[in-house]
């Protein structure tokens, strides 16, 4: 996997995984004119990294268990909370997830995704009764 480095006034950051570099773009630490390098290459402007700033504007996806709303890793996965509630020998597999989180604006609400998550929670409770 490629290692990235970011040139800062006081100290160079790195080695960074691609996801960590993307997070630095999202939080404003890396701007288009910030100097970066990949592995042992020469320093160049971050704007020259194809797709970096476009990827930072895409929303990140957070996955939640549709039964208990616990945050879980990307499906398929096991919900640590529900596996005990359902059966001691079986684990509940999460086959889908709900909810998105905008990447660029942390103060924005989840809007329709949050509404869908609440609707699904109410539906599951009704179905259980």
N, C-alpha and C. Protein backbone atom coordinates (compact mmCIF):
# COMPACT_ATOMS: atom_id res chain seq x y z
N UNK A 1 0.84 -1.17 0.00
CA UNK A 1 0.00 0.00 0.00
C UNK A 1 0.89 1.24 0.00
N UNK A 2 0.44 2.25 -0.69
CA UNK A 2 1.21 3.49 -0.79
C UNK A 2 1.20 4.23 0.54
N UNK A 3 2.31 4.88 0.81
CA UNK A 3 2.41 5.74 1.99
C UNK A 3 2.49 7.18 1.51
N UNK A 4 1.74 8.06 2.15
CA UNK A 4 1.69 9.46 1.79
C UNK A 4 2.35 10.29 2.87
N UNK A 5 2.90 11.43 2.44
CA UNK A 5 3.53 12.38 3.35
C UNK A 5 2.99 13.76 3.00
N UNK A 6 2.78 14.58 4.03
CA UNK A 6 2.25 15.93 3.86
C UNK A 6 3.25 16.91 4.43
N UNK A 7 3.63 17.90 3.62
CA UNK A 7 4.59 18.91 4.06
C UNK A 7 3.86 20.02 4.81
N UNK A 8 4.26 20.25 6.05
CA UNK A 8 3.70 21.30 6.89
C UNK A 8 4.81 22.28 7.25
N UNK A 9 4.46 23.50 7.70
CA UNK A 9 5.50 24.48 8.02
C UNK A 9 6.50 24.00 9.07
N UNK A 10 6.05 23.33 10.10
CA UNK A 10 6.94 22.93 11.20
C UNK A 10 7.47 21.51 11.07
N UNK A 11 6.64 20.61 10.56
CA UNK A 11 7.02 19.20 10.53
C UNK A 11 6.26 18.51 9.39
N UNK A 12 6.88 17.51 8.78
CA UNK A 12 6.20 16.72 7.76
C UNK A 12 5.39 15.62 8.43
N UNK A 13 4.17 15.41 7.93
CA UNK A 13 3.30 14.37 8.46
C UNK A 13 3.46 13.10 7.62
N UNK A 14 3.52 11.97 8.26
CA UNK A 14 3.58 10.72 7.51
C UNK A 14 4.48 9.72 8.19
N UNK A 15 4.43 8.51 7.76
CA UNK A 15 3.66 8.01 6.62
C UNK A 15 2.17 7.91 6.95
N UNK A 16 1.34 8.19 5.97
CA UNK A 16 -0.12 8.16 6.12
C UNK A 16 -0.71 7.15 5.14
N UNK A 17 -1.74 6.47 5.59
CA UNK A 17 -2.51 5.62 4.68
C UNK A 17 -3.39 6.52 3.83
N UNK A 18 -3.85 6.05 2.67
CA UNK A 18 -4.72 6.88 1.83
C UNK A 18 -5.95 7.42 2.57
N UNK A 19 -6.55 6.62 3.43
CA UNK A 19 -7.72 7.07 4.18
C UNK A 19 -7.36 8.21 5.14
N UNK A 20 -6.17 8.17 5.70
CA UNK A 20 -5.73 9.24 6.59
C UNK A 20 -5.48 10.53 5.82
N UNK A 21 -4.92 10.42 4.62
CA UNK A 21 -4.73 11.59 3.77
C UNK A 21 -6.09 12.19 3.41
N UNK A 22 -7.04 11.35 3.07
CA UNK A 22 -8.38 11.82 2.75
C UNK A 22 -9.00 12.55 3.92
N UNK A 23 -8.80 12.06 5.13
CA UNK A 23 -9.34 12.72 6.32
C UNK A 23 -8.70 14.09 6.52
N UNK A 24 -7.42 14.22 6.22
CA UNK A 24 -6.75 15.52 6.33
C UNK A 24 -7.31 16.52 5.32
N UNK A 25 -7.72 16.04 4.16
CA UNK A 25 -8.37 16.92 3.18
C UNK A 25 -9.73 17.35 3.73
N UNK A 26 -10.46 16.40 4.28
CA UNK A 26 -11.80 16.71 4.80
C UNK A 26 -11.76 17.71 5.95
N UNK A 27 -10.75 17.63 6.79
CA UNK A 27 -10.72 18.56 7.93
C UNK A 27 -9.98 19.85 7.62
N UNK A 28 -9.51 20.02 6.38
CA UNK A 28 -8.90 21.27 5.96
C UNK A 28 -7.41 21.38 6.17
N UNK A 29 -6.77 20.37 6.72
CA UNK A 29 -5.33 20.40 6.92
C UNK A 29 -4.60 20.39 5.59
N UNK A 30 -5.10 19.61 4.64
CA UNK A 30 -4.52 19.55 3.30
C UNK A 30 -5.42 20.32 2.35
N UNK A 31 -4.84 21.32 1.70
CA UNK A 31 -5.55 22.13 0.71
C UNK A 31 -4.91 21.87 -0.65
N UNK A 32 -5.52 22.34 -1.74
CA UNK A 32 -4.97 22.05 -3.06
C UNK A 32 -3.50 22.44 -3.24
N UNK A 33 -3.04 23.51 -2.61
CA UNK A 33 -1.65 23.95 -2.77
C UNK A 33 -0.69 23.29 -1.77
N UNK A 34 -1.20 22.49 -0.84
CA UNK A 34 -0.34 21.79 0.13
C UNK A 34 0.54 20.80 -0.61
N UNK A 35 1.81 20.76 -0.24
CA UNK A 35 2.75 19.82 -0.87
C UNK A 35 2.61 18.44 -0.23
N UNK A 36 2.52 17.43 -1.09
CA UNK A 36 2.43 16.05 -0.64
C UNK A 36 3.40 15.22 -1.49
N UNK A 37 3.67 14.03 -1.01
CA UNK A 37 4.45 13.08 -1.82
C UNK A 37 3.97 11.68 -1.51
N UNK A 38 4.14 10.81 -2.49
CA UNK A 38 3.76 9.41 -2.35
C UNK A 38 5.04 8.59 -2.29
N UNK A 39 5.16 7.82 -1.23
CA UNK A 39 6.35 7.00 -1.01
C UNK A 39 7.61 7.89 -1.07
N UNK A 40 8.52 7.60 -1.99
CA UNK A 40 9.78 8.36 -2.08
C UNK A 40 9.80 9.36 -3.23
N UNK A 41 8.63 9.70 -3.78
CA UNK A 41 8.60 10.62 -4.92
C UNK A 41 8.92 12.05 -4.47
N UNK A 42 9.03 12.94 -5.44
CA UNK A 42 9.27 14.36 -5.15
C UNK A 42 7.97 14.99 -4.64
N UNK A 43 8.09 16.12 -3.96
CA UNK A 43 6.92 16.85 -3.45
C UNK A 43 6.16 17.46 -4.62
N UNK A 44 4.83 17.46 -4.53
CA UNK A 44 3.98 18.10 -5.54
C UNK A 44 2.71 18.58 -4.86
N UNK A 45 1.95 19.46 -5.56
CA UNK A 45 0.71 20.00 -5.00
C UNK A 45 -0.33 18.90 -4.84
N UNK A 46 -1.08 18.95 -3.74
CA UNK A 46 -2.13 17.96 -3.48
C UNK A 46 -3.20 17.99 -4.57
N UNK A 47 -3.37 19.12 -5.23
CA UNK A 47 -4.36 19.21 -6.31
C UNK A 47 -4.02 18.28 -7.48
N UNK A 48 -2.77 17.83 -7.56
CA UNK A 48 -2.36 16.93 -8.64
C UNK A 48 -2.69 15.46 -8.35
N UNK A 49 -3.14 15.17 -7.14
CA UNK A 49 -3.54 13.79 -6.80
C UNK A 49 -4.93 13.57 -7.36
N UNK A 50 -5.02 12.80 -8.41
CA UNK A 50 -6.30 12.59 -9.11
C UNK A 50 -7.39 12.06 -8.21
N UNK A 51 -8.51 12.78 -8.14
CA UNK A 51 -9.69 12.33 -7.42
C UNK A 51 -9.66 12.57 -5.92
N UNK A 52 -8.58 13.11 -5.37
CA UNK A 52 -8.48 13.27 -3.92
C UNK A 52 -9.54 14.22 -3.38
N UNK A 53 -9.66 15.40 -3.96
CA UNK A 53 -10.61 16.38 -3.44
C UNK A 53 -12.05 16.02 -3.79
N UNK A 54 -12.24 15.33 -4.91
CA UNK A 54 -13.58 14.85 -5.25
C UNK A 54 -14.03 13.79 -4.25
N UNK A 55 -13.12 12.89 -3.89
CA UNK A 55 -13.45 11.84 -2.92
C UNK A 55 -13.76 12.44 -1.56
N UNK A 56 -13.08 13.52 -1.20
CA UNK A 56 -13.32 14.16 0.10
C UNK A 56 -14.70 14.79 0.16
N UNK A 57 -15.26 15.16 -0.97
CA UNK A 57 -16.60 15.77 -0.98
C UNK A 57 -17.71 14.73 -0.96
N UNK A 58 -17.40 13.49 -1.28
CA UNK A 58 -18.42 12.44 -1.24
C UNK A 58 -18.79 12.14 0.21
N UNK A 59 -20.05 11.81 0.46
CA UNK A 59 -20.43 11.49 1.84
C UNK A 59 -19.81 10.18 2.29
N UNK A 60 -19.50 10.12 3.57
CA UNK A 60 -19.03 8.87 4.14
C UNK A 60 -20.26 8.08 4.57
N UNK A 61 -20.13 6.79 4.61
CA UNK A 61 -21.26 5.94 4.99
C UNK A 61 -20.98 5.33 6.35
N UNK A 62 -21.95 5.45 7.21
CA UNK A 62 -21.88 4.80 8.52
C UNK A 62 -22.94 3.72 8.52
N UNK A 63 -22.61 2.58 9.07
CA UNK A 63 -23.52 1.44 9.09
C UNK A 63 -24.07 1.25 10.49
N UNK A 64 -25.37 0.97 10.56
CA UNK A 64 -26.05 0.75 11.83
C UNK A 64 -26.83 -0.55 11.77
N UNK A 65 -26.92 -1.21 12.89
CA UNK A 65 -27.75 -2.41 12.97
C UNK A 65 -29.21 -1.97 12.84
N UNK A 66 -29.97 -2.57 11.94
CA UNK A 66 -31.36 -2.15 11.79
C UNK A 66 -32.24 -2.54 12.97
N UNK A 67 -31.75 -3.41 13.82
CA UNK A 67 -32.55 -3.82 14.97
C UNK A 67 -32.33 -2.94 16.19
N UNK A 68 -31.07 -2.64 16.49
CA UNK A 68 -30.80 -1.91 17.75
C UNK A 68 -30.10 -0.57 17.53
N UNK A 69 -29.79 -0.22 16.29
CA UNK A 69 -29.15 1.05 15.93
C UNK A 69 -27.71 1.19 16.41
N UNK A 70 -27.09 0.11 16.79
CA UNK A 70 -25.68 0.14 17.17
C UNK A 70 -24.85 0.33 15.91
N UNK A 71 -23.83 1.19 15.98
CA UNK A 71 -22.96 1.38 14.83
C UNK A 71 -22.11 0.11 14.65
N UNK A 72 -22.04 -0.36 13.40
CA UNK A 72 -21.32 -1.59 13.08
C UNK A 72 -20.40 -1.34 11.90
N UNK A 73 -19.41 -2.23 11.67
CA UNK A 73 -18.58 -2.08 10.48
C UNK A 73 -19.39 -2.39 9.22
N UNK A 74 -18.78 -2.21 8.07
CA UNK A 74 -19.48 -2.45 6.80
C UNK A 74 -19.97 -3.90 6.73
N UNK A 75 -21.22 -4.10 6.30
CA UNK A 75 -21.76 -5.45 6.18
C UNK A 75 -21.07 -6.25 5.09
N UNK A 76 -21.09 -7.57 5.14
CA UNK A 76 -21.71 -8.36 6.20
C UNK A 76 -20.86 -8.35 7.46
N UNK A 77 -21.51 -8.25 8.59
CA UNK A 77 -20.83 -8.20 9.87
C UNK A 77 -21.76 -8.70 10.97
N UNK A 78 -21.26 -8.71 12.16
CA UNK A 78 -22.05 -9.14 13.31
C UNK A 78 -22.29 -7.94 14.21
N UNK A 79 -23.49 -7.78 14.69
CA UNK A 79 -23.78 -6.72 15.64
C UNK A 79 -23.45 -7.25 17.03
N UNK A 80 -22.50 -6.63 17.73
CA UNK A 80 -22.11 -7.14 19.04
C UNK A 80 -23.22 -7.07 20.07
N UNK A 81 -24.14 -6.13 19.90
CA UNK A 81 -25.22 -6.00 20.87
C UNK A 81 -26.32 -7.05 20.65
N UNK A 82 -26.70 -7.26 19.41
CA UNK A 82 -27.81 -8.19 19.11
C UNK A 82 -27.44 -9.65 19.20
N UNK A 83 -26.19 -10.01 19.02
CA UNK A 83 -25.84 -11.42 19.03
C UNK A 83 -26.21 -12.07 20.36
N UNK A 84 -26.15 -11.36 21.45
CA UNK A 84 -26.51 -11.90 22.76
C UNK A 84 -28.03 -11.91 22.92
N UNK A 85 -28.69 -10.89 22.40
CA UNK A 85 -30.13 -10.79 22.56
C UNK A 85 -30.89 -11.86 21.76
N UNK A 86 -30.36 -12.26 20.59
CA UNK A 86 -31.09 -13.19 19.75
C UNK A 86 -30.88 -14.65 20.12
N UNK A 87 -29.64 -15.04 20.29
CA UNK A 87 -29.35 -16.44 20.54
C UNK A 87 -27.91 -16.53 21.00
N UNK A 88 -27.65 -17.32 22.00
CA UNK A 88 -26.29 -17.41 22.52
C UNK A 88 -25.33 -18.14 21.59
N UNK A 89 -25.85 -18.96 20.69
CA UNK A 89 -24.97 -19.71 19.81
C UNK A 89 -24.93 -19.14 18.39
N UNK A 90 -25.90 -18.29 18.03
CA UNK A 90 -25.93 -17.71 16.68
C UNK A 90 -25.64 -16.23 16.75
N UNK A 91 -25.02 -15.72 15.72
CA UNK A 91 -24.77 -14.30 15.62
C UNK A 91 -25.67 -13.72 14.54
N UNK A 92 -26.22 -12.56 14.80
CA UNK A 92 -27.09 -11.91 13.81
C UNK A 92 -26.22 -11.23 12.77
N UNK A 93 -26.37 -11.58 11.52
CA UNK A 93 -25.61 -11.00 10.43
C UNK A 93 -26.36 -9.78 9.90
N UNK A 94 -25.66 -8.67 9.79
CA UNK A 94 -26.24 -7.45 9.24
C UNK A 94 -26.02 -7.50 7.73
N UNK A 95 -27.09 -7.61 6.97
CA UNK A 95 -26.97 -7.74 5.53
C UNK A 95 -27.10 -6.41 4.82
N UNK A 96 -27.55 -5.40 5.50
CA UNK A 96 -27.67 -4.06 4.92
C UNK A 96 -27.49 -3.04 6.03
N UNK A 97 -27.39 -1.81 5.66
CA UNK A 97 -27.23 -0.77 6.67
C UNK A 97 -28.05 0.44 6.27
N UNK A 98 -28.21 1.33 7.21
CA UNK A 98 -28.93 2.56 6.94
C UNK A 98 -28.14 3.71 7.52
N UNK A 99 -28.28 4.86 6.94
CA UNK A 99 -27.65 6.05 7.48
C UNK A 99 -26.43 6.47 6.69
N UNK A 100 -26.35 7.76 6.42
CA UNK A 100 -25.16 8.33 5.81
C UNK A 100 -24.78 9.56 6.59
N UNK A 101 -23.55 9.96 6.45
CA UNK A 101 -23.06 11.14 7.15
C UNK A 101 -22.34 12.00 6.14
N UNK A 102 -22.76 13.24 5.95
CA UNK A 102 -22.05 14.10 5.01
C UNK A 102 -20.61 14.29 5.44
N UNK A 103 -19.69 14.24 4.48
CA UNK A 103 -18.27 14.35 4.81
C UNK A 103 -17.84 15.78 5.06
N UNK A 104 -18.31 16.72 4.26
CA UNK A 104 -17.76 18.06 4.30
C UNK A 104 -18.35 18.94 5.39
N UNK A 105 -19.55 18.66 5.87
CA UNK A 105 -20.19 19.54 6.83
C UNK A 105 -20.63 18.75 8.05
N UNK A 106 -19.79 18.69 9.10
CA UNK A 106 -20.13 17.86 10.25
C UNK A 106 -21.34 18.35 11.04
N UNK A 107 -21.78 19.59 10.84
CA UNK A 107 -22.93 20.09 11.59
C UNK A 107 -24.25 19.83 10.89
N UNK A 108 -24.21 19.36 9.64
CA UNK A 108 -25.44 19.09 8.90
C UNK A 108 -26.12 17.85 9.47
N UNK A 109 -27.47 17.85 9.46
CA UNK A 109 -28.19 16.67 9.95
C UNK A 109 -28.20 15.61 8.86
N UNK A 110 -28.53 14.40 9.24
CA UNK A 110 -28.56 13.31 8.27
C UNK A 110 -29.81 13.36 7.42
N UNK A 111 -30.75 14.24 7.72
CA UNK A 111 -31.93 14.45 6.89
C UNK A 111 -32.68 13.17 6.61
N UNK A 112 -32.91 12.87 5.32
CA UNK A 112 -33.69 11.69 4.96
C UNK A 112 -33.13 10.38 5.50
N UNK A 113 -31.82 10.26 5.57
CA UNK A 113 -31.23 9.01 6.08
C UNK A 113 -31.60 8.80 7.54
N UNK A 114 -31.53 9.87 8.34
CA UNK A 114 -31.88 9.77 9.76
C UNK A 114 -33.37 9.45 9.90
N UNK A 115 -34.20 10.08 9.08
CA UNK A 115 -35.63 9.81 9.10
C UNK A 115 -35.91 8.35 8.73
N UNK A 116 -35.20 7.84 7.73
CA UNK A 116 -35.38 6.44 7.33
C UNK A 116 -34.96 5.49 8.44
N UNK A 117 -33.89 5.83 9.13
CA UNK A 117 -33.43 4.98 10.23
C UNK A 117 -34.48 4.92 11.34
N UNK A 118 -35.06 6.08 11.71
CA UNK A 118 -36.10 6.09 12.74
C UNK A 118 -37.33 5.31 12.29
N UNK A 119 -37.72 5.47 11.01
CA UNK A 119 -38.87 4.75 10.48
C UNK A 119 -38.63 3.25 10.58
N UNK A 120 -37.44 2.80 10.18
CA UNK A 120 -37.13 1.38 10.22
C UNK A 120 -37.15 0.85 11.65
N UNK A 121 -36.64 1.63 12.59
CA UNK A 121 -36.66 1.20 14.00
C UNK A 121 -38.10 1.02 14.48
N UNK A 122 -38.97 1.97 14.14
CA UNK A 122 -40.38 1.85 14.55
C UNK A 122 -41.03 0.63 13.90
N UNK A 123 -40.73 0.38 12.63
CA UNK A 123 -41.30 -0.77 11.91
C UNK A 123 -40.85 -2.08 12.55
N UNK A 124 -39.60 -2.18 12.90
CA UNK A 124 -39.08 -3.40 13.53
C UNK A 124 -39.78 -3.63 14.86
N UNK A 125 -39.96 -2.58 15.65
CA UNK A 125 -40.65 -2.72 16.94
C UNK A 125 -42.08 -3.18 16.74
N UNK A 126 -42.77 -2.62 15.73
CA UNK A 126 -44.15 -3.05 15.44
C UNK A 126 -44.20 -4.52 15.03
N UNK A 127 -43.23 -4.91 14.20
CA UNK A 127 -43.20 -6.30 13.72
C UNK A 127 -42.93 -7.28 14.84
N UNK A 128 -42.14 -6.86 15.84
CA UNK A 128 -41.84 -7.74 16.97
C UNK A 128 -43.03 -7.93 17.89
N UNK A 129 -43.94 -6.98 17.90
CA UNK A 129 -45.12 -7.06 18.80
C UNK A 129 -46.23 -7.80 18.16
